[in-house]
Amino acid sequence: MKSRHPVLTALCAGLLAALAATAFAATGTTTTNHEASKLATTYTTFAGSETNSEALVKGLSGGTSITLETVTPATSSGGASSTTTTTFQPATGKLGYGEVNITLALAKDELAALGITAPTSAEIEAALNGGTITLADGSTQTMQGVLALRAQGEGWGQIANTLGFKLGDVVSASKTDHSQAGADHGRSGNAVAAANRPERPVHPDHPQRPDVPQRPDIPDHAGRPGGH
């Protein structure tokens, strides 16, 4: 049976469609914000601050410019700290959140392998886009750049191999907020400790017990007299 109010029916249908679209958009935004917030929290220590980690996640996922700040404490009492700002454009376009995690995990592990666990903004840029950094001993190290390698067409597994890691191990370590380089260092340290442990003394063999002489055979009793 046809509706007696076609205009009202059309308005209701349009309203329902608009509500559905709004609900879908809100759900998608909530999910996106949750993933971005989770990643930013995971890499806050690596990035140096919550603001820096949020800037990294936003810039890598959106393919937009990233601005990081490094605060250098005062070198003397009464002196003022200084802030250095580094701005760069990711070498790749937009990345999915899974790719953002892989990118930051690889950059974190590569720097950790060089003994850098609290990198400056410039060192993070070099680990991502490539560049030269100065190590604690004054020597320099050229970084190939995770994003630079990706821009050249390398797959994530290939990039991990190029940097000396296994992708699966790196991703697994990122979920526990530990670097694969640190895990490898821990395993090697345990192996060294085990190798340096003194060997257990060898206990002397117990002397063998002397053979027990065999008992002589008991002679058969002679039959009783008058016995049958």
C-alpha atoms as a PDB file:
ATOM      1  CA  MET A   1       0.000   0.000   0.000  1.00  0.00           C
ATOM      2  CA  LYS A   2       1.389   3.395  -0.960  1.00  0.00           C
ATOM      3  CA  SER A   3       2.057   5.929   1.769  1.00  0.00           C
ATOM      4  CA  ARG A   4      -0.411   8.750   2.056  1.00  0.00           C
ATOM      5  CA  HIS A   5       2.377  11.141   2.972  1.00  0.00           C
ATOM      6  CA  PRO A   6       5.186  10.762   0.388  1.00  0.00           C
ATOM      7  CA  VAL A   7       6.854  13.997   1.426  1.00  0.00           C
ATOM      8  CA  LEU A   8       7.010  12.915   5.073  1.00  0.00           C
ATOM      9  CA  THR A   9       8.369   9.515   4.059  1.00  0.00           C
ATOM     10  CA  ALA A  10      11.124  11.106   1.996  1.00  0.00           C
ATOM     11  CA  LEU A  11      12.062  13.430   4.844  1.00  0.00           C
ATOM     12  CA  CYS A  12      12.280  10.526   7.278  1.00  0.00           C
ATOM     13  CA  ALA A  13      14.446   8.522   4.893  1.00  0.00           C
ATOM     14  CA  GLY A  14      16.774  11.467   4.394  1.00  0.00           C
ATOM     15  CA  LEU A  15      17.043  12.056   8.132  1.00  0.00           C
ATOM     16  CA  LEU A  16      17.881   8.409   8.808  1.00  0.00           C
ATOM     17  CA  ALA A  17      20.572   8.442   6.121  1.00  0.00           C
ATOM     18  CA  ALA A  18      22.121  11.598   7.572  1.00  0.00           C
ATOM     19  CA  LEU A  19      22.131  10.144  11.069  1.00  0.00           C
ATOM     20  CA  ALA A  20      23.779   6.938   9.815  1.00  0.00           C
ATOM     21  CA  ALA A  21      26.490   8.874   7.988  1.00  0.00           C
ATOM     22  CA  THR A  22      27.160  11.010  11.062  1.00  0.00           C
ATOM     23  CA  ALA A  23      27.419   7.950  13.291  1.00  0.00           C
ATOM     24  CA  PHE A  24      29.810   6.250  10.861  1.00  0.00           C
ATOM     25  CA  ALA A  25      32.000   9.334  10.617  1.00  0.00           C
ATOM     26  CA  ALA A  26      32.089   9.713  14.400  1.00  0.00           C
ATOM     27  CA  THR A  27      33.039   6.051  14.865  1.00  0.00           C
ATOM     28  CA  GLY A  28      35.825   6.318  12.287  1.00  0.00           C
ATOM     29  CA  THR A  29      37.188   9.460  13.930  1.00  0.00           C
ATOM     30  CA  THR A  30      37.144   7.862  17.371  1.00  0.00           C
ATOM     31  CA  THR A  31      39.040   4.810  16.110  1.00  0.00           C
ATOM     32  CA  THR A  32      41.595   6.982  14.330  1.00  0.00           C
ATOM     33  CA  ASN A  33      42.158   9.160  17.383  1.00  0.00           C
ATOM     34  CA  HIS A  34      42.586   6.076  19.569  1.00  0.00           C
ATOM     35  CA  GLU A  35      45.243   4.589  17.272  1.00  0.00           C
ATOM     36  CA  ALA A  36      47.085   7.897  17.001  1.00  0.00           C
ATOM     37  CA  SER A  37      46.971   8.442  20.761  1.00  0.00           C
ATOM     38  CA  LYS A  38      48.230   4.916  21.446  1.00  0.00           C
ATOM     39  CA  LEU A  39      51.185   5.360  19.084  1.00  0.00           C
ATOM     40  CA  ALA A  40      52.037   8.767  20.524  1.00  0.00           C
ATOM     41  CA  THR A  41      52.062   7.297  24.030  1.00  0.00           C
ATOM     42  CA  THR A  42      54.296   4.402  22.933  1.00  0.00           C
ATOM     43  CA  TYR A  43      56.980   6.706  21.509  1.00  0.00           C
ATOM     44  CA  THR A  44      56.852   9.608  23.975  1.00  0.00           C
ATOM     45  CA  THR A  45      60.145   8.633  25.628  1.00  0.00           C
ATOM     46  CA  PHE A  46      61.865   8.116  22.277  1.00  0.00           C
ATOM     47  CA  ALA A  47      60.606  11.438  20.886  1.00  0.00           C
ATOM     48  CA  GLY A  48      61.585  13.346  24.016  1.00  0.00           C
ATOM     49  CA  SER A  49      58.126  14.662  24.846  1.00  0.00           C
ATOM     50  CA  GLU A  50      54.442  14.025  24.291  1.00  0.00           C
ATOM     51  CA  THR A  51      54.281  17.007  21.930  1.00  0.00           C
ATOM     52  CA  ASN A  52      57.089  15.594  19.795  1.00  0.00           C
ATOM     53  CA  SER A  53      55.582  12.108  19.638  1.00  0.00           C
ATOM     54  CA  GLU A  54      52.196  13.514  18.613  1.00  0.00           C
ATOM     55  CA  ALA A  55      53.912  15.593  15.917  1.00  0.00           C
ATOM     56  CA  LEU A  56      55.691  12.483  14.598  1.00  0.00           C
ATOM     57  CA  VAL A  57      52.523  10.391  14.431  1.00  0.00           C
ATOM     58  CA  LYS A  58      50.513  13.202  12.846  1.00  0.00           C
ATOM     59  CA  GLY A  59      53.191  14.086  10.295  1.00  0.00           C
ATOM     60  CA  LEU A  60      53.961  10.505   9.277  1.00  0.00           C
ATOM     61  CA  SER A  61      50.313   9.469   8.988  1.00  0.00           C
ATOM     62  CA  GLY A  62      49.350  12.620   7.120  1.00  0.00           C
ATOM     63  CA  GLY A  63      52.503  13.051   5.042  1.00  0.00           C
ATOM     64  CA  THR A  64      52.865  16.595   6.395  1.00  0.00           C
ATOM     65  CA  SER A  65      55.737  18.629   7.812  1.00  0.00           C
ATOM     66  CA  ILE A  66      57.034  17.594  11.242  1.00  0.00           C
ATOM     67  CA  THR A  67      58.395  20.019  13.827  1.00  0.00           C
ATOM     68  CA  LEU A  68      60.303  18.662  16.833  1.00  0.00           C
ATOM     69  CA  GLU A  69      61.857  20.478  19.775  1.00  0.00           C
ATOM     70  CA  THR A  70      64.888  19.472  21.811  1.00  0.00           C
ATOM     71  CA  VAL A  71      65.400  21.095  25.202  1.00  0.00           C
ATOM     72  CA  THR A  72      69.019  21.228  26.367  1.00  0.00           C
ATOM     73  CA  PRO A  73      69.422  21.697  30.132  1.00  0.00           C
ATOM     74  CA  ALA A  74      71.572  24.517  31.451  1.00  0.00           C
ATOM     75  CA  THR A  75      75.240  23.607  31.755  1.00  0.00           C
ATOM     76  CA  SER A  76      75.771  25.650  34.927  1.00  0.00           C
ATOM     77  CA  SER A  77      73.732  26.560  37.966  1.00  0.00           C
ATOM     78  CA  GLY A  78      71.681  29.637  37.346  1.00  0.00           C
ATOM     79  CA  GLY A  79      71.946  29.243  33.583  1.00  0.00           C
ATOM     80  CA  ALA A  80      69.012  28.926  31.241  1.00  0.00           C
ATOM     81  CA  SER A  81      68.084  25.893  29.184  1.00  0.00           C
ATOM     82  CA  SER A  82      67.992  26.188  25.413  1.00  0.00           C
ATOM     83  CA  THR A  83      65.487  24.851  22.892  1.00  0.00           C
ATOM     84  CA  THR A  84      66.408  23.695  19.392  1.00  0.00           C
ATOM     85  CA  THR A  85      63.684  23.331  16.769  1.00  0.00           C
ATOM     86  CA  THR A  86      63.953  20.918  13.848  1.00  0.00           C
ATOM     87  CA  THR A  87      61.432  20.922  10.996  1.00  0.00           C
ATOM     88  CA  PHE A  88      61.456  18.420   8.140  1.00  0.00           C
ATOM     89  CA  GLN A  89      59.203  16.852   5.535  1.00  0.00           C
ATOM     90  CA  PRO A  90      58.867  13.037   5.616  1.00  0.00           C
ATOM     91  CA  ALA A  91      60.526  11.394   2.614  1.00  0.00           C
ATOM     92  CA  THR A  92      57.341   9.410   1.967  1.00  0.00           C
ATOM     93  CA  GLY A  93      53.685  10.290   1.606  1.00  0.00           C
ATOM     94  CA  LYS A  94      50.917   9.285   3.985  1.00  0.00           C
ATOM     95  CA  LEU A  95      51.486   6.132   6.030  1.00  0.00           C
ATOM     96  CA  GLY A  96      49.003   3.853   7.749  1.00  0.00           C
ATOM     97  CA  TYR A  97      49.277   3.632  11.519  1.00  0.00           C
ATOM     98  CA  GLY A  98      50.836   0.181  11.264  1.00  0.00           C
ATOM     99  CA  GLU A  99      53.498   1.642   8.957  1.00  0.00           C
ATOM    100  CA  VAL A 100      54.015   4.564  11.339  1.00  0.00           C
ATOM    101  CA  ASN A 101      54.721   2.085  14.123  1.00  0.00           C
ATOM    102  CA  ILE A 102      57.205   0.158  11.961  1.00  0.00           C
ATOM    103  CA  THR A 103      58.935   3.391  10.926  1.00  0.00           C
ATOM    104  CA  LEU A 104      59.387   4.684  14.458  1.00  0.00           C
ATOM    105  CA  ALA A 105      60.343   1.255  15.821  1.00  0.00           C
ATOM    106  CA  LEU A 106      63.096   0.854  13.213  1.00  0.00           C
ATOM    107  CA  ALA A 107      64.391   4.400  13.777  1.00  0.00           C
ATOM    108  CA  LYS A 108      64.395   3.831  17.531  1.00  0.00           C
ATOM    109  CA  ASP A 109      66.257   0.524  17.230  1.00  0.00           C
ATOM    110  CA  GLU A 110      68.849   1.862  14.806  1.00  0.00           C
ATOM    111  CA  LEU A 111      69.698   4.747  17.139  1.00  0.00           C
ATOM    112  CA  ALA A 112      69.697   2.453  20.179  1.00  0.00           C
ATOM    113  CA  ALA A 113      72.197   0.173  18.421  1.00  0.00           C
ATOM    114  CA  LEU A 114      74.501   3.205  18.235  1.00  0.00           C
ATOM    115  CA  GLY A 115      74.064   3.865  21.948  1.00  0.00           C
ATOM    116  CA  ILE A 116      71.553   6.689  21.478  1.00  0.00           C
ATOM    117  CA  THR A 117      68.489   6.092  23.651  1.00  0.00           C
ATOM    118  CA  ALA A 118      67.473   9.730  24.119  1.00  0.00           C
ATOM    119  CA  PRO A 119      67.931  11.169  20.611  1.00  0.00           C
ATOM    120  CA  THR A 120      67.776  14.821  19.714  1.00  0.00           C
ATOM    121  CA  SER A 121      65.335  16.107  17.127  1.00  0.00           C
ATOM    122  CA  ALA A 122      68.115  16.238  14.529  1.00  0.00           C
ATOM    123  CA  GLU A 123      69.078  12.617  15.241  1.00  0.00           C
ATOM    124  CA  ILE A 124      65.459  11.496  14.841  1.00  0.00           C
ATOM    125  CA  GLU A 125      65.283  13.330  11.506  1.00  0.00           C
ATOM    126  CA  ALA A 126      68.490  11.592  10.363  1.00  0.00           C
ATOM    127  CA  ALA A 127      67.133   8.180  11.391  1.00  0.00           C
ATOM    128  CA  LEU A 128      63.959   8.852   9.392  1.00  0.00           C
ATOM    129  CA  ASN A 129      65.092  10.798   6.323  1.00  0.00           C
ATOM    130  CA  GLY A 130      68.803   9.998   6.340  1.00  0.00           C
ATOM    131  CA  GLY A 131      71.759  12.142   7.327  1.00  0.00           C
ATOM    132  CA  THR A 132      74.924  12.258   9.396  1.00  0.00           C
ATOM    133  CA  ILE A 133      75.030  12.292  13.181  1.00  0.00           C
ATOM    134  CA  THR A 134      77.872  12.669  15.673  1.00  0.00           C
ATOM    135  CA  LEU A 135      78.315   9.929  18.260  1.00  0.00           C
ATOM    136  CA  ALA A 136      79.420  10.331  21.867  1.00  0.00           C
ATOM    137  CA  ASP A 137      83.046   9.479  21.008  1.00  0.00           C
ATOM    138  CA  GLY A 138      83.167  12.239  18.401  1.00  0.00           C
ATOM    139  CA  SER A 139      82.956   9.942  15.370  1.00  0.00           C
ATOM    140  CA  THR A 140      80.286  10.437  12.728  1.00  0.00           C
ATOM    141  CA  GLN A 141      77.734   7.957  11.450  1.00  0.00           C
ATOM    142  CA  THR A 142      75.759   8.196   8.219  1.00  0.00           C
ATOM    143  CA  MET A 143      72.148   7.112   8.579  1.00  0.00           C
ATOM    144  CA  GLN A 144      70.414   5.707   5.501  1.00  0.00           C
ATOM    145  CA  GLY A 145      67.006   6.761   6.790  1.00  0.00           C
ATOM    146  CA  VAL A 146      63.994   4.470   7.224  1.00  0.00           C
ATOM    147  CA  LEU A 147      61.735   6.708   5.133  1.00  0.00           C
ATOM    148  CA  ALA A 148      64.446   7.321   2.542  1.00  0.00           C
ATOM    149  CA  LEU A 149      64.772   3.572   1.989  1.00  0.00           C
ATOM    150  CA  ARG A 150      60.993   3.267   1.781  1.00  0.00           C
ATOM    151  CA  ALA A 151      60.882   6.070  -0.790  1.00  0.00           C
ATOM    152  CA  GLN A 152      63.376   4.094  -2.880  1.00  0.00           C
ATOM    153  CA  GLY A 153      60.856   1.262  -3.130  1.00  0.00           C
ATOM    154  CA  GLU A 154      62.161  -1.114  -0.462  1.00  0.00           C
ATOM    155  CA  GLY A 155      59.638  -3.192   1.473  1.00  0.00           C
ATOM    156  CA  TRP A 156      59.510  -3.028   5.252  1.00  0.00           C
ATOM    157  CA  GLY A 157      61.132  -6.427   5.668  1.00  0.00           C
ATOM    158  CA  GLN A 158      63.908  -5.437   3.283  1.00  0.00           C
ATOM    159  CA  ILE A 159      64.440  -2.154   5.142  1.00  0.00           C
ATOM    160  CA  ALA A 160      64.725  -4.010   8.436  1.00  0.00           C
ATOM    161  CA  ASN A 161      67.314  -6.373   6.933  1.00  0.00           C
ATOM    162  CA  THR A 162      69.253  -3.438   5.495  1.00  0.00           C
ATOM    163  CA  LEU A 163      69.457  -1.894   8.963  1.00  0.00           C
ATOM    164  CA  GLY A 164      70.457  -5.212  10.535  1.00  0.00           C
ATOM    165  CA  PHE A 165      67.161  -6.253  12.124  1.00  0.00           C
ATOM    166  CA  LYS A 166      64.348  -8.740  11.650  1.00  0.00           C
ATOM    167  CA  LEU A 167      61.011  -7.046  11.068  1.00  0.00           C
ATOM    168  CA  GLY A 168      59.004  -9.497  13.167  1.00  0.00           C
ATOM    169  CA  ASP A 169      61.306  -9.046  16.156  1.00  0.00           C
ATOM    170  CA  VAL A 170      61.199  -5.257  15.839  1.00  0.00           C
ATOM    171  CA  VAL A 171      57.395  -5.141  15.717  1.00  0.00           C
ATOM    172  CA  SER A 172      57.078  -7.551  18.656  1.00  0.00           C
ATOM    173  CA  ALA A 173      59.506  -5.478  20.726  1.00  0.00           C
ATOM    174  CA  SER A 174      57.603  -2.270  19.904  1.00  0.00           C
ATOM    175  CA  LYS A 175      54.487  -3.673  21.580  1.00  0.00           C
ATOM    176  CA  THR A 176      56.351  -3.938  24.875  1.00  0.00           C
ATOM    177  CA  ASP A 177      58.009  -0.516  24.497  1.00  0.00           C
ATOM    178  CA  HIS A 178      61.478  -2.100  24.248  1.00  0.00           C
ATOM    179  CA  SER A 179      63.899  -1.834  21.385  1.00  0.00           C
ATOM    180  CA  GLN A 180      65.076  -4.935  19.569  1.00  0.00           C
ATOM    181  CA  ALA A 181      68.617  -3.635  19.888  1.00  0.00           C
ATOM    182  CA  GLY A 182      68.180  -3.540  23.659  1.00  0.00           C
ATOM    183  CA  ALA A 183      66.742  -7.047  23.663  1.00  0.00           C
ATOM    184  CA  ASP A 184      69.666  -8.346  21.618  1.00  0.00           C
ATOM    185  CA  HIS A 185      72.065  -6.594  23.983  1.00  0.00           C
ATOM    186  CA  GLY A 186      70.364  -8.210  26.949  1.00  0.00           C
ATOM    187  CA  ARG A 187      70.595 -11.669  25.410  1.00  0.00           C
ATOM    188  CA  SER A 188      74.267 -11.206  24.566  1.00  0.00           C
ATOM    189  CA  GLY A 189      74.910  -9.942  28.104  1.00  0.00           C
ATOM    190  CA  ASN A 190      73.276 -13.028  29.559  1.00  0.00           C
ATOM    191  CA  ALA A 191      75.376 -15.237  27.304  1.00  0.00           C
ATOM    192  CA  VAL A 192      78.573 -13.512  28.457  1.00  0.00           C
ATOM    193  CA  ALA A 193      77.550 -13.853  32.093  1.00  0.00           C
ATOM    194  CA  ALA A 194      76.844 -17.533  31.606  1.00  0.00           C
ATOM    195  CA  ALA A 195      80.223 -18.022  29.936  1.00  0.00           C
ATOM    196  CA  ASN A 196      82.010 -16.320  32.840  1.00  0.00           C
ATOM    197  CA  ARG A 197      80.429 -18.468  35.501  1.00  0.00           C
ATOM    198  CA  PRO A 198      82.967 -20.837  37.166  1.00  0.00           C
ATOM    199  CA  GLU A 199      82.566 -24.399  36.220  1.00  0.00           C
ATOM    200  CA  ARG A 200      81.151 -26.703  38.820  1.00  0.00           C
ATOM    201  CA  PRO A 201      83.850 -28.842  40.516  1.00  0.00           C
ATOM    202  CA  VAL A 202      83.958 -32.372  39.349  1.00  0.00           C
ATOM    203  CA  HIS A 203      83.158 -34.720  42.194  1.00  0.00           C
ATOM    204  CA  PRO A 204      85.625 -37.629  42.543  1.00  0.00           C
ATOM    205  CA  ASP A 205      84.263 -40.995  41.736  1.00  0.00           C
ATOM    206  CA  HIS A 206      83.099 -42.934  44.741  1.00  0.00           C
ATOM    207  CA  PRO A 207      85.366 -45.953  45.493  1.00  0.00           C
ATOM    208  CA  GLN A 208      83.885 -49.140  44.351  1.00  0.00           C
ATOM    209  CA  ARG A 209      82.587 -51.393  47.055  1.00  0.00           C
ATOM    210  CA  PRO A 210      84.658 -54.567  47.537  1.00  0.00           C
ATOM    211  CA  ASP A 211      83.086 -57.663  46.196  1.00  0.00           C
ATOM    212  CA  VAL A 212      81.258 -59.566  48.891  1.00  0.00           C
ATOM    213  CA  PRO A 213      82.725 -63.101  49.110  1.00  0.00           C
ATOM    214  CA  GLN A 214      80.312 -65.747  48.222  1.00  0.00           C
ATOM    215  CA  ARG A 215      78.988 -67.764  51.107  1.00  0.00           C
ATOM    216  CA  PRO A 216      80.094 -71.452  51.120  1.00  0.00           C
ATOM    217  CA  ASP A 217      77.471 -73.916  50.182  1.00  0.00           C
ATOM    218  CA  ILE A 218      75.673 -75.332  53.195  1.00  0.00           C
ATOM    219  CA  PRO A 219      76.320 -79.129  53.331  1.00  0.00           C
ATOM    220  CA  ASP A 220      73.367 -81.433  53.081  1.00  0.00           C
ATOM    221  CA  HIS A 221      72.260 -82.818  56.447  1.00  0.00           C
ATOM    222  CA  ALA A 222      72.786 -86.566  56.842  1.00  0.00           C
ATOM    223  CA  GLY A 223      69.616 -88.516  57.135  1.00  0.00           C
ATOM    224  CA  ARG A 224      68.442 -89.326  60.593  1.00  0.00           C
ATOM    225  CA  PRO A 225      69.285 -92.845  61.820  1.00  0.00           C
ATOM    226  CA  GLY A 226      66.472 -95.168  61.179  1.00  0.00           C
ATOM    227  CA  GLY A 227      65.168 -92.811  58.633  1.00  0.00           C
ATOM    228  CA  HIS A 228      63.865 -94.127  55.400  1.00  0.00           C
END
